Amino acid sequence: MAAPWTAKDVPDQSGRVAVVTGANSGLGYETALVLAGRGAHVVLACRNQTKADAARDRILAIHPDAAVSVEPLDLAELSSVAAFADRMAAGHDRLDLLVNNAGIMAVDEGRTTDGFELQFGVNHLGGFALTGRLLPMLVATPAARITVMSSFGHRAGRIRFDDLMFDQGYRRWAAYFQSKLANLLFVAELQRRLDAAGHHVVVAGAHPGSSNTGLVPDERAWMEHLIHLAGPLATQPASGGALPLLRAITDPSVPGGAFYGPRWRMRGHPVRETPARRARDPETAARLWARSTELVGSPHLPLAA
């Protein structure tokens, strides 16, 4: 049996440029910390400038010679996504790693600046648009990789094509699970289209299990109660929850379209796992791609249907 994969297994990243969304805290911060320590130039793409600056300072205190920069990015605002991509293209001649980590979980009903249901808008459409705008840089960079953070909750998800924005009645957990299923459908369809177009970019998904990141906002939520009842046996620190994401974005053996999570689903060393059947349905993936493109007008490269 192979030894458990840990952060020490992350290969040298010198000379590579990595974008990590939501890198000011939690899983994003832990991912950025490891990548910076391995030599990557890490761009912390965050909505809150003050928290992002503080995260950069913490990383530099641990890795004084690291290359870490901060760029504002609000995935709930498509104009912010476009502006971020323009700055990346102007300031960098390559993009090796795109870590779509930022997300929200089971929040109160709300809308993005562009009118999308907040969780679907941030967790899926924001990352969809960002990836599309950064694709020219990614396909032009040898051995580039894209990772999308999902959740074990995707297994309860359904894509409500007749009511994607929950206009007919909002349910916070149903909206969250839909967005997390959408993440993995995006991984599968993007990888398929990249392969068909002959681009050598690896796309992979990940989930953190149950990690202490402060993401769950509502003490009344059933998942919050489950975590409290299960205690330390069911949870792990953010540094552990980031390992599936780190493996998906750096392990040279990761195949396109793969999905990584903790060994024991809620916690443990990162291993490849099989996503839910609904996340592996090519017709749903293609339909979601088409609908997402209609909604955000994302300028993906011409990738064949």
C-alpha atoms as a PDB file:
ATOM      1  CA  MET A   1       0.000   0.000   0.000  1.00  0.00           C
ATOM      2  CA  ALA A   2       1.302   3.452  -0.926  1.00  0.00           C
ATOM      3  CA  ALA A   3       2.245   5.819   1.873  1.00  0.00           C
ATOM      4  CA  PRO A   4      -0.395   8.465   2.702  1.00  0.00           C
ATOM      5  CA  TRP A   5      -0.081  11.598   0.592  1.00  0.00           C
ATOM      6  CA  THR A   6       0.817  14.712   2.617  1.00  0.00           C
ATOM      7  CA  ALA A   7       1.820  18.309   1.979  1.00  0.00           C
ATOM      8  CA  LYS A   8       5.428  17.121   1.897  1.00  0.00           C
ATOM      9  CA  ASP A   9       4.597  15.359  -1.365  1.00  0.00           C
ATOM     10  CA  VAL A  10       3.832  18.623  -3.164  1.00  0.00           C
ATOM     11  CA  PRO A  11       6.536  18.906  -5.854  1.00  0.00           C
ATOM     12  CA  ASP A  12       8.724  21.953  -6.287  1.00  0.00           C
ATOM     13  CA  GLN A  13       6.663  24.750  -7.836  1.00  0.00           C
ATOM     14  CA  SER A  14       9.463  27.186  -8.646  1.00  0.00           C
ATOM     15  CA  GLY A  15       8.755  29.314 -11.690  1.00  0.00           C
ATOM     16  CA  ARG A  16       5.027  28.569 -11.647  1.00  0.00           C
ATOM     17  CA  VAL A  17       2.233  31.096 -11.183  1.00  0.00           C
ATOM     18  CA  ALA A  18      -0.792  30.044  -9.111  1.00  0.00           C
ATOM     19  CA  VAL A  19      -4.106  31.819  -8.557  1.00  0.00           C
ATOM     20  CA  VAL A  20      -5.970  30.773  -5.404  1.00  0.00           C
ATOM     21  CA  THR A  21      -9.445  32.221  -4.931  1.00  0.00           C
ATOM     22  CA  GLY A  22     -10.664  32.806  -1.392  1.00  0.00           C
ATOM     23  CA  ALA A  23      -7.094  32.587  -0.117  1.00  0.00           C
ATOM     24  CA  ASN A  24      -7.421  34.905   2.869  1.00  0.00           C
ATOM     25  CA  SER A  25      -8.532  32.136   5.263  1.00  0.00           C
ATOM     26  CA  GLY A  26      -9.422  28.479   5.681  1.00  0.00           C
ATOM     27  CA  LEU A  27      -8.719  26.033   2.883  1.00  0.00           C
ATOM     28  CA  GLY A  28      -7.619  28.705   0.436  1.00  0.00           C
ATOM     29  CA  TYR A  29      -5.082  30.124   2.850  1.00  0.00           C
ATOM     30  CA  GLU A  30      -3.648  26.693   3.652  1.00  0.00           C
ATOM     31  CA  THR A  31      -3.385  25.899  -0.051  1.00  0.00           C
ATOM     32  CA  ALA A  32      -1.674  29.198  -0.808  1.00  0.00           C
ATOM     33  CA  LEU A  33       0.692  28.723   2.123  1.00  0.00           C
ATOM     34  CA  VAL A  34       1.925  25.361   0.842  1.00  0.00           C
ATOM     35  CA  LEU A  35       2.221  26.499  -2.782  1.00  0.00           C
ATOM     36  CA  ALA A  36       4.197  29.593  -1.741  1.00  0.00           C
ATOM     37  CA  GLY A  37       6.462  27.455   0.407  1.00  0.00           C
ATOM     38  CA  ARG A  38       7.175  25.236  -2.603  1.00  0.00           C
ATOM     39  CA  GLY A  39       8.283  28.180  -4.700  1.00  0.00           C
ATOM     40  CA  ALA A  40       5.200  29.220  -6.680  1.00  0.00           C
ATOM     41  CA  HIS A  41       4.304  32.859  -7.218  1.00  0.00           C
ATOM     42  CA  VAL A  42       0.902  32.804  -5.535  1.00  0.00           C
ATOM     43  CA  VAL A  43      -1.794  35.339  -6.330  1.00  0.00           C
ATOM     44  CA  LEU A  44      -4.298  35.635  -3.478  1.00  0.00           C
ATOM     45  CA  ALA A  45      -7.573  36.400  -5.268  1.00  0.00           C
ATOM     46  CA  CYS A  46      -9.909  37.675  -2.548  1.00  0.00           C
ATOM     47  CA  ARG A  47     -12.956  39.851  -2.037  1.00  0.00           C
ATOM     48  CA  ASN A  48     -11.748  41.429   1.208  1.00  0.00           C
ATOM     49  CA  GLN A  49      -8.550  43.416   0.617  1.00  0.00           C
ATOM     50  CA  THR A  50      -7.744  43.869   4.307  1.00  0.00           C
ATOM     51  CA  LYS A  51      -8.017  40.157   5.098  1.00  0.00           C
ATOM     52  CA  ALA A  52      -6.074  39.262   1.959  1.00  0.00           C
ATOM     53  CA  ASP A  53      -3.232  41.618   2.909  1.00  0.00           C
ATOM     54  CA  ALA A  54      -3.138  40.045   6.370  1.00  0.00           C
ATOM     55  CA  ALA A  55      -3.019  36.552   4.844  1.00  0.00           C
ATOM     56  CA  ARG A  56      -0.140  37.590   2.595  1.00  0.00           C
ATOM     57  CA  ASP A  57       1.740  38.949   5.592  1.00  0.00           C
ATOM     58  CA  ARG A  58       1.194  35.682   7.502  1.00  0.00           C
ATOM     59  CA  ILE A  59       2.523  33.653   4.591  1.00  0.00           C
ATOM     60  CA  LEU A  60       5.567  35.884   4.235  1.00  0.00           C
ATOM     61  CA  ALA A  61       6.253  35.628   7.973  1.00  0.00           C
ATOM     62  CA  ILE A  62       6.502  31.838   7.510  1.00  0.00           C
ATOM     63  CA  HIS A  63       8.166  31.913   4.079  1.00  0.00           C
ATOM     64  CA  PRO A  64      10.095  35.224   3.896  1.00  0.00           C
ATOM     65  CA  ASP A  65      11.433  34.542   0.403  1.00  0.00           C
ATOM     66  CA  ALA A  66       8.057  33.612  -1.089  1.00  0.00           C
ATOM     67  CA  ALA A  67       6.438  35.503  -3.954  1.00  0.00           C
ATOM     68  CA  VAL A  68       2.902  36.386  -2.861  1.00  0.00           C
ATOM     69  CA  SER A  69       0.649  39.091  -4.257  1.00  0.00           C
ATOM     70  CA  VAL A  70      -2.941  40.167  -3.671  1.00  0.00           C
ATOM     71  CA  GLU A  71      -5.553  40.908  -6.309  1.00  0.00           C
ATOM     72  CA  PRO A  72      -9.182  41.877  -5.586  1.00  0.00           C
ATOM     73  CA  LEU A  73     -11.781  39.438  -6.897  1.00  0.00           C
ATOM     74  CA  ASP A  74     -15.494  39.249  -6.107  1.00  0.00           C
ATOM     75  CA  LEU A  75     -17.070  36.158  -7.678  1.00  0.00           C
ATOM     76  CA  ALA A  76     -20.514  37.644  -7.035  1.00  0.00           C
ATOM     77  CA  GLU A  77     -19.805  40.396  -9.573  1.00  0.00           C
ATOM     78  CA  LEU A  78     -18.984  39.496 -13.187  1.00  0.00           C
ATOM     79  CA  SER A  79     -17.343  42.869 -13.823  1.00  0.00           C
ATOM     80  CA  SER A  80     -14.894  42.086 -10.984  1.00  0.00           C
ATOM     81  CA  VAL A  81     -14.136  38.709 -12.581  1.00  0.00           C
ATOM     82  CA  ALA A  82     -13.431  40.363 -15.926  1.00  0.00           C
ATOM     83  CA  ALA A  83     -11.220  43.036 -14.356  1.00  0.00           C
ATOM     84  CA  PHE A  84      -9.236  40.416 -12.446  1.00  0.00           C
ATOM     85  CA  ALA A  85      -8.608  38.391 -15.606  1.00  0.00           C
ATOM     86  CA  ASP A  86      -7.498  41.506 -17.466  1.00  0.00           C
ATOM     87  CA  ARG A  87      -4.995  42.340 -14.723  1.00  0.00           C
ATOM     88  CA  MET A  88      -3.637  38.791 -14.735  1.00  0.00           C
ATOM     89  CA  ALA A  89      -3.111  38.903 -18.494  1.00  0.00           C
ATOM     90  CA  ALA A  90      -1.385  42.277 -18.235  1.00  0.00           C
ATOM     91  CA  GLY A  91       0.825  41.348 -15.291  1.00  0.00           C
ATOM     92  CA  HIS A  92       1.825  37.745 -16.013  1.00  0.00           C
ATOM     93  CA  ASP A  93       3.060  35.882 -19.060  1.00  0.00           C
ATOM     94  CA  ARG A  94       1.864  32.504 -17.768  1.00  0.00           C
ATOM     95  CA  LEU A  95      -0.680  30.845 -15.483  1.00  0.00           C
ATOM     96  CA  ASP A  96       0.149  27.339 -14.313  1.00  0.00           C
ATOM     97  CA  LEU A  97      -2.361  26.669 -11.543  1.00  0.00           C
ATOM     98  CA  LEU A  98      -5.903  27.933 -11.113  1.00  0.00           C
ATOM     99  CA  VAL A  99      -7.408  26.935  -7.762  1.00  0.00           C
ATOM    100  CA  ASN A 100     -11.143  27.657  -7.755  1.00  0.00           C
ATOM    101  CA  ASN A 101     -11.578  27.419  -4.004  1.00  0.00           C
ATOM    102  CA  ALA A 102     -13.744  30.362  -2.923  1.00  0.00           C
ATOM    103  CA  GLY A 103     -17.321  29.611  -2.007  1.00  0.00           C
ATOM    104  CA  ILE A 104     -20.193  30.153   0.386  1.00  0.00           C
ATOM    105  CA  MET A 105     -22.325  27.625   2.224  1.00  0.00           C
ATOM    106  CA  ALA A 106     -26.027  27.507   3.118  1.00  0.00           C
ATOM    107  CA  VAL A 107     -26.391  31.269   3.395  1.00  0.00           C
ATOM    108  CA  ASP A 108     -29.618  33.226   3.615  1.00  0.00           C
ATOM    109  CA  GLU A 109     -31.363  33.936   0.336  1.00  0.00           C
ATOM    110  CA  GLY A 110     -29.587  36.573  -1.700  1.00  0.00           C
ATOM    111  CA  ARG A 111     -28.589  37.629  -5.199  1.00  0.00           C
ATOM    112  CA  THR A 112     -25.310  38.454  -6.857  1.00  0.00           C
ATOM    113  CA  THR A 113     -24.740  41.838  -8.449  1.00  0.00           C
ATOM    114  CA  ASP A 114     -25.879  40.319 -11.740  1.00  0.00           C
ATOM    115  CA  GLY A 115     -29.069  38.865 -10.275  1.00  0.00           C
ATOM    116  CA  PHE A 116     -28.134  35.208  -9.817  1.00  0.00           C
ATOM    117  CA  GLU A 117     -29.081  33.152  -6.755  1.00  0.00           C
ATOM    118  CA  LEU A 118     -26.144  33.814  -4.471  1.00  0.00           C
ATOM    119  CA  GLN A 119     -24.790  30.292  -3.922  1.00  0.00           C
ATOM    120  CA  PHE A 120     -25.157  29.200  -7.547  1.00  0.00           C
ATOM    121  CA  GLY A 121     -23.745  32.558  -8.635  1.00  0.00           C
ATOM    122  CA  VAL A 122     -20.662  32.469  -6.410  1.00  0.00           C
ATOM    123  CA  ASN A 123     -19.935  28.746  -6.154  1.00  0.00           C
ATOM    124  CA  HIS A 124     -20.507  27.862  -9.796  1.00  0.00           C
ATOM    125  CA  LEU A 125     -21.100  30.761 -12.174  1.00  0.00           C
ATOM    126  CA  GLY A 126     -18.346  32.962 -10.734  1.00  0.00           C
ATOM    127  CA  GLY A 127     -15.745  30.219 -11.084  1.00  0.00           C
ATOM    128  CA  PHE A 128     -17.123  29.256 -14.500  1.00  0.00           C
ATOM    129  CA  ALA A 129     -16.706  32.824 -15.746  1.00  0.00           C
ATOM    130  CA  LEU A 130     -13.274  33.222 -14.145  1.00  0.00           C
ATOM    131  CA  THR A 131     -11.966  29.998 -15.652  1.00  0.00           C
ATOM    132  CA  GLY A 132     -13.282  30.982 -19.053  1.00  0.00           C
ATOM    133  CA  ARG A 133     -11.550  34.340 -18.993  1.00  0.00           C
ATOM    134  CA  LEU A 134      -8.264  32.794 -17.821  1.00  0.00           C
ATOM    135  CA  LEU A 135      -8.313  29.873 -20.259  1.00  0.00           C
ATOM    136  CA  PRO A 136      -6.165  31.616 -22.902  1.00  0.00           C
ATOM    137  CA  MET A 137      -3.350  31.942 -20.361  1.00  0.00           C
ATOM    138  CA  LEU A 138      -3.825  28.391 -19.086  1.00  0.00           C
ATOM    139  CA  VAL A 139      -3.774  26.647 -22.460  1.00  0.00           C
ATOM    140  CA  ALA A 140      -0.696  28.666 -23.441  1.00  0.00           C
ATOM    141  CA  THR A 141       1.186  27.457 -20.343  1.00  0.00           C
ATOM    142  CA  PRO A 142       2.723  23.955 -20.524  1.00  0.00           C
ATOM    143  CA  ALA A 143       1.289  21.454 -18.013  1.00  0.00           C
ATOM    144  CA  ALA A 144      -1.280  23.916 -16.611  1.00  0.00           C
ATOM    145  CA  ARG A 145      -3.867  22.647 -14.174  1.00  0.00           C
ATOM    146  CA  ILE A 146      -7.290  23.710 -12.899  1.00  0.00           C
ATOM    147  CA  THR A 147      -8.922  22.548  -9.686  1.00  0.00           C
ATOM    148  CA  VAL A 148     -12.473  23.166  -8.494  1.00  0.00           C
ATOM    149  CA  MET A 149     -13.503  22.780  -4.874  1.00  0.00           C
ATOM    150  CA  SER A 150     -16.727  20.827  -4.476  1.00  0.00           C
ATOM    151  CA  SER A 151     -18.195  19.080  -1.413  1.00  0.00           C
ATOM    152  CA  PHE A 152     -19.287  15.640  -0.317  1.00  0.00           C
ATOM    153  CA  GLY A 153     -22.685  17.354  -0.239  1.00  0.00           C
ATOM    154  CA  HIS A 154     -22.755  17.203  -4.047  1.00  0.00           C
ATOM    155  CA  ARG A 155     -24.178  13.701  -3.583  1.00  0.00           C
ATOM    156  CA  ALA A 156     -27.442  15.222  -2.408  1.00  0.00           C
ATOM    157  CA  GLY A 157     -27.492  17.760  -5.230  1.00  0.00           C
ATOM    158  CA  ARG A 158     -29.898  18.135  -8.136  1.00  0.00           C
ATOM    159  CA  ILE A 159     -29.585  20.578 -11.032  1.00  0.00           C
ATOM    160  CA  ARG A 160     -32.938  22.329 -11.184  1.00  0.00           C
ATOM    161  CA  PHE A 161     -32.919  23.432 -14.813  1.00  0.00           C
ATOM    162  CA  ASP A 162     -36.525  24.575 -14.461  1.00  0.00           C
ATOM    163  CA  ASP A 163     -35.617  26.799 -11.482  1.00  0.00           C
ATOM    164  CA  LEU A 164     -31.851  27.244 -11.198  1.00  0.00           C
ATOM    165  CA  MET A 165     -32.225  30.427  -9.138  1.00  0.00           C
ATOM    166  CA  PHE A 166     -34.824  29.051  -6.701  1.00  0.00           C
ATOM    167  CA  ASP A 167     -37.347  31.673  -7.742  1.00  0.00           C
ATOM    168  CA  GLN A 168     -40.129  29.280  -6.779  1.00  0.00           C
ATOM    169  CA  GLY A 169     -39.009  29.011  -3.158  1.00  0.00           C
ATOM    170  CA  TYR A 170     -35.554  29.205  -1.623  1.00  0.00           C
ATOM    171  CA  ARG A 171     -34.017  26.327   0.339  1.00  0.00           C
ATOM    172  CA  ARG A 172     -30.482  27.065   1.491  1.00  0.00           C
ATOM    173  CA  TRP A 173     -29.152  23.502   1.600  1.00  0.00           C
ATOM    174  CA  ALA A 174     -30.768  22.484  -1.683  1.00  0.00           C
ATOM    175  CA  ALA A 175     -29.200  25.568  -3.282  1.00  0.00           C
ATOM    176  CA  TYR A 176     -25.804  24.725  -1.791  1.00  0.00           C
ATOM    177  CA  PHE A 177     -25.930  21.089  -2.900  1.00  0.00           C
ATOM    178  CA  GLN A 178     -26.939  22.146  -6.405  1.00  0.00           C
ATOM    179  CA  SER A 179     -23.944  24.480  -6.638  1.00  0.00           C
ATOM    180  CA  LYS A 180     -21.550  21.772  -5.453  1.00  0.00           C
ATOM    181  CA  LEU A 181     -22.896  19.262  -7.974  1.00  0.00           C
ATOM    182  CA  ALA A 182     -22.495  21.946 -10.640  1.00  0.00           C
ATOM    183  CA  ASN A 183     -18.806  22.213  -9.694  1.00  0.00           C
ATOM    184  CA  LEU A 184     -18.148  18.584 -10.609  1.00  0.00           C
ATOM    185  CA  LEU A 185     -20.246  18.692 -13.768  1.00  0.00           C
ATOM    186  CA  PHE A 186     -18.121  21.679 -14.801  1.00  0.00           C
ATOM    187  CA  VAL A 187     -14.921  19.729 -14.127  1.00  0.00           C
ATOM    188  CA  ALA A 188     -16.085  16.848 -16.305  1.00  0.00           C
ATOM    189  CA  GLU A 189     -17.325  18.957 -19.207  1.00  0.00           C
ATOM    190  CA  LEU A 190     -14.348  21.324 -19.205  1.00  0.00           C
ATOM    191  CA  GLN A 191     -11.921  18.411 -19.257  1.00  0.00           C
ATOM    192  CA  ARG A 192     -13.838  16.755 -22.086  1.00  0.00           C
ATOM    193  CA  ARG A 193     -13.790  19.909 -24.177  1.00  0.00           C
ATOM    194  CA  LEU A 194     -10.118  20.617 -23.503  1.00  0.00           C
ATOM    195  CA  ASP A 195      -9.208  17.070 -24.513  1.00  0.00           C
ATOM    196  CA  ALA A 196     -11.294  17.315 -27.674  1.00  0.00           C
ATOM    197  CA  ALA A 197      -9.547  20.553 -28.603  1.00  0.00           C
ATOM    198  CA  GLY A 198      -6.102  19.033 -28.015  1.00  0.00           C
ATOM    199  CA  HIS A 199      -5.187  21.210 -25.047  1.00  0.00           C
ATOM    200  CA  HIS A 200      -2.989  19.531 -22.428  1.00  0.00           C
ATOM    201  CA  VAL A 201      -4.614  21.021 -19.325  1.00  0.00           C
ATOM    202  CA  VAL A 202      -5.614  18.812 -16.399  1.00  0.00           C
ATOM    203  CA  VAL A 203      -8.879  19.664 -14.636  1.00  0.00           C
ATOM    204  CA  ALA A 204      -9.704  17.962 -11.331  1.00  0.00           C
ATOM    205  CA  GLY A 205     -12.187  18.315  -8.493  1.00  0.00           C
ATOM    206  CA  ALA A 206     -11.740  18.037  -4.739  1.00  0.00           C
ATOM    207  CA  HIS A 207     -13.649  18.212  -1.489  1.00  0.00           C
ATOM    208  CA  PRO A 208     -12.352  18.814   2.058  1.00  0.00           C
ATOM    209  CA  GLY A 209     -14.587  16.468   4.015  1.00  0.00           C
ATOM    210  CA  SER A 210     -15.497  18.064   7.308  1.00  0.00           C
ATOM    211  CA  SER A 211     -12.945  20.759   8.122  1.00  0.00           C
ATOM    212  CA  ASN A 212     -12.761  23.515  10.693  1.00  0.00           C
ATOM    213  CA  THR A 213     -12.895  26.475   8.327  1.00  0.00           C
ATOM    214  CA  GLY A 214     -15.727  28.565   9.773  1.00  0.00           C
ATOM    215  CA  LEU A 215     -17.679  28.194   6.535  1.00  0.00           C
ATOM    216  CA  VAL A 216     -20.951  26.942   8.076  1.00  0.00           C
ATOM    217  CA  PRO A 217     -22.811  30.176   8.927  1.00  0.00           C
ATOM    218  CA  ASP A 218     -25.949  28.997  10.679  1.00  0.00           C
ATOM    219  CA  GLU A 219     -25.891  27.321  14.080  1.00  0.00           C
ATOM    220  CA  ARG A 220     -29.350  25.895  13.386  1.00  0.00           C
ATOM    221  CA  ALA A 221     -28.203  24.020  10.272  1.00  0.00           C
ATOM    222  CA  TRP A 222     -28.352  20.238  10.491  1.00  0.00           C
ATOM    223  CA  MET A 223     -24.771  19.891   9.304  1.00  0.00           C
ATOM    224  CA  GLU A 224     -23.528  22.177  12.065  1.00  0.00           C
ATOM    225  CA  HIS A 225     -25.260  19.996  14.647  1.00  0.00           C
ATOM    226  CA  LEU A 226     -23.814  16.876  13.039  1.00  0.00           C
ATOM    227  CA  ILE A 227     -20.306  18.286  13.227  1.00  0.00           C
ATOM    228  CA  HIS A 228     -20.715  19.261  16.885  1.00  0.00           C
ATOM    229  CA  LEU A 229     -22.118  15.844  17.793  1.00  0.00           C
ATOM    230  CA  ALA A 230     -19.428  13.918  15.956  1.00  0.00           C
ATOM    231  CA  GLY A 231     -16.669  16.084  17.399  1.00  0.00           C
ATOM    232  CA  PRO A 232     -13.003  15.559  16.541  1.00  0.00           C
ATOM    233  CA  LEU A 233     -13.630  12.097  15.084  1.00  0.00           C
ATOM    234  CA  ALA A 234     -15.473  13.663  12.148  1.00  0.00           C
ATOM    235  CA  THR A 235     -13.539  16.881  11.650  1.00  0.00           C
ATOM    236  CA  GLN A 236     -10.023  17.893  10.744  1.00  0.00           C
ATOM    237  CA  PRO A 237      -8.129  21.185  10.693  1.00  0.00           C
ATOM    238  CA  ALA A 238      -8.171  23.349   7.583  1.00  0.00           C
ATOM    239  CA  SER A 239      -4.633  22.231   6.782  1.00  0.00           C
ATOM    240  CA  GLY A 240      -5.945  18.668   6.492  1.00  0.00           C
ATOM    241  CA  GLY A 241      -9.018  19.706   4.537  1.00  0.00           C
ATOM    242  CA  ALA A 242      -6.793  21.469   1.990  1.00  0.00           C
ATOM    243  CA  LEU A 243      -4.843  18.307   1.152  1.00  0.00           C
ATOM    244  CA  PRO A 244      -7.292  16.936  -1.451  1.00  0.00           C
ATOM    245  CA  LEU A 245      -7.185  20.310  -3.209  1.00  0.00           C
ATOM    246  CA  LEU A 246      -3.394  20.397  -3.054  1.00  0.00           C
ATOM    247  CA  ARG A 247      -3.122  16.883  -4.402  1.00  0.00           C
ATOM    248  CA  ALA A 248      -5.538  17.627  -7.235  1.00  0.00           C
ATOM    249  CA  ILE A 249      -3.573  20.704  -8.292  1.00  0.00           C
ATOM    250  CA  THR A 250       0.015  19.427  -7.862  1.00  0.00           C
ATOM    251  CA  ASP A 251       0.283  15.616  -7.948  1.00  0.00           C
ATOM    252  CA  PRO A 252       1.710  14.710 -11.385  1.00  0.00           C
ATOM    253  CA  SER A 253      -0.186  11.403 -11.362  1.00  0.00           C
ATOM    254  CA  VAL A 254      -3.643  13.046 -11.200  1.00  0.00           C
ATOM    255  CA  PRO A 255      -5.634  12.259 -14.366  1.00  0.00           C
ATOM    256  CA  GLY A 256      -7.984  14.736 -15.986  1.00  0.00           C
ATOM    257  CA  GLY A 257     -11.484  14.712 -14.544  1.00  0.00           C
ATOM    258  CA  ALA A 258     -10.454  13.024 -11.284  1.00  0.00           C
ATOM    259  CA  PHE A 259     -12.011  13.823  -7.912  1.00  0.00           C
ATOM    260  CA  TYR A 260     -10.148  13.760  -4.569  1.00  0.00           C
ATOM    261  CA  GLY A 261     -11.353  13.763  -0.971  1.00  0.00           C
ATOM    262  CA  PRO A 262     -10.375  12.522   2.501  1.00  0.00           C
ATOM    263  CA  ARG A 263      -9.815   8.789   2.908  1.00  0.00           C
ATOM    264  CA  TRP A 264     -12.714   8.413   5.351  1.00  0.00           C
ATOM    265  CA  ARG A 265     -14.990  10.845   3.503  1.00  0.00           C
ATOM    266  CA  MET A 266     -15.080  13.309   6.428  1.00  0.00           C
ATOM    267  CA  ARG A 267     -11.371  13.275   7.284  1.00  0.00           C
ATOM    268  CA  GLY A 268      -8.139  11.527   6.424  1.00  0.00           C
ATOM    269  CA  HIS A 269      -5.378  11.637   3.822  1.00  0.00           C
ATOM    270  CA  PRO A 270      -6.439  12.583   0.287  1.00  0.00           C
ATOM    271  CA  VAL A 271      -7.410   9.784  -2.078  1.00  0.00           C
ATOM    272  CA  ARG A 272      -9.201   9.572  -5.383  1.00  0.00           C
ATOM    273  CA  GLU A 273     -12.886   8.821  -5.073  1.00  0.00           C
ATOM    274  CA  THR A 274     -15.820   8.322  -7.406  1.00  0.00           C
ATOM    275  CA  PRO A 275     -18.305  11.203  -7.487  1.00  0.00           C
ATOM    276  CA  ALA A 276     -22.042  10.662  -7.470  1.00  0.00           C
ATOM    277  CA  ARG A 277     -23.619   9.247 -10.613  1.00  0.00           C
ATOM    278  CA  ARG A 278     -25.356  12.560 -11.284  1.00  0.00           C
ATOM    279  CA  ALA A 279     -21.929  14.240 -11.399  1.00  0.00           C
ATOM    280  CA  ARG A 280     -20.854  11.780 -14.102  1.00  0.00           C
ATOM    281  CA  ASP A 281     -23.802  12.274 -16.459  1.00  0.00           C
ATOM    282  CA  PRO A 282     -22.449  13.776 -19.717  1.00  0.00           C
ATOM    283  CA  GLU A 283     -25.829  15.036 -20.917  1.00  0.00           C
ATOM    284  CA  THR A 284     -26.387  17.006 -17.711  1.00  0.00           C
ATOM    285  CA  ALA A 285     -22.838  18.357 -17.858  1.00  0.00           C
ATOM    286  CA  ALA A 286     -23.251  19.564 -21.434  1.00  0.00           C
ATOM    287  CA  ARG A 287     -26.626  21.100 -20.662  1.00  0.00           C
ATOM    288  CA  LEU A 288     -25.263  22.920 -17.618  1.00  0.00           C
ATOM    289  CA  TRP A 289     -22.323  24.237 -19.668  1.00  0.00           C
ATOM    290  CA  ALA A 290     -24.692  25.624 -22.283  1.00  0.00           C
ATOM    291  CA  ARG A 291     -26.957  27.236 -19.692  1.00  0.00           C
ATOM    292  CA  SER A 292     -24.026  28.688 -17.757  1.00  0.00           C
ATOM    293  CA  THR A 293     -22.617  30.214 -20.922  1.00  0.00           C
ATOM    294  CA  GLU A 294     -25.993  31.806 -21.645  1.00  0.00           C
ATOM    295  CA  LEU A 295     -26.090  33.292 -18.153  1.00  0.00           C
ATOM    296  CA  VAL A 296     -22.588  34.729 -17.843  1.00  0.00           C
ATOM    297  CA  GLY A 297     -21.489  35.095 -21.455  1.00  0.00           C
ATOM    298  CA  SER A 298     -18.143  33.614 -20.466  1.00  0.00           C
ATOM    299  CA  PRO A 299     -15.623  33.983 -23.305  1.00  0.00           C
ATOM    300  CA  HIS A 300     -14.256  30.450 -23.201  1.00  0.00           C
ATOM    301  CA  LEU A 301     -11.944  29.479 -25.978  1.00  0.00           C
ATOM    302  CA  PRO A 302     -13.830  27.817 -28.825  1.00  0.00           C
ATOM    303  CA  LEU A 303     -14.065  24.377 -27.252  1.00  0.00           C
ATOM    304  CA  ALA A 304     -16.084  21.903 -29.299  1.00  0.00           C
ATOM    305  CA  ALA A 305     -19.419  20.743 -27.952  1.00  0.00           C
END
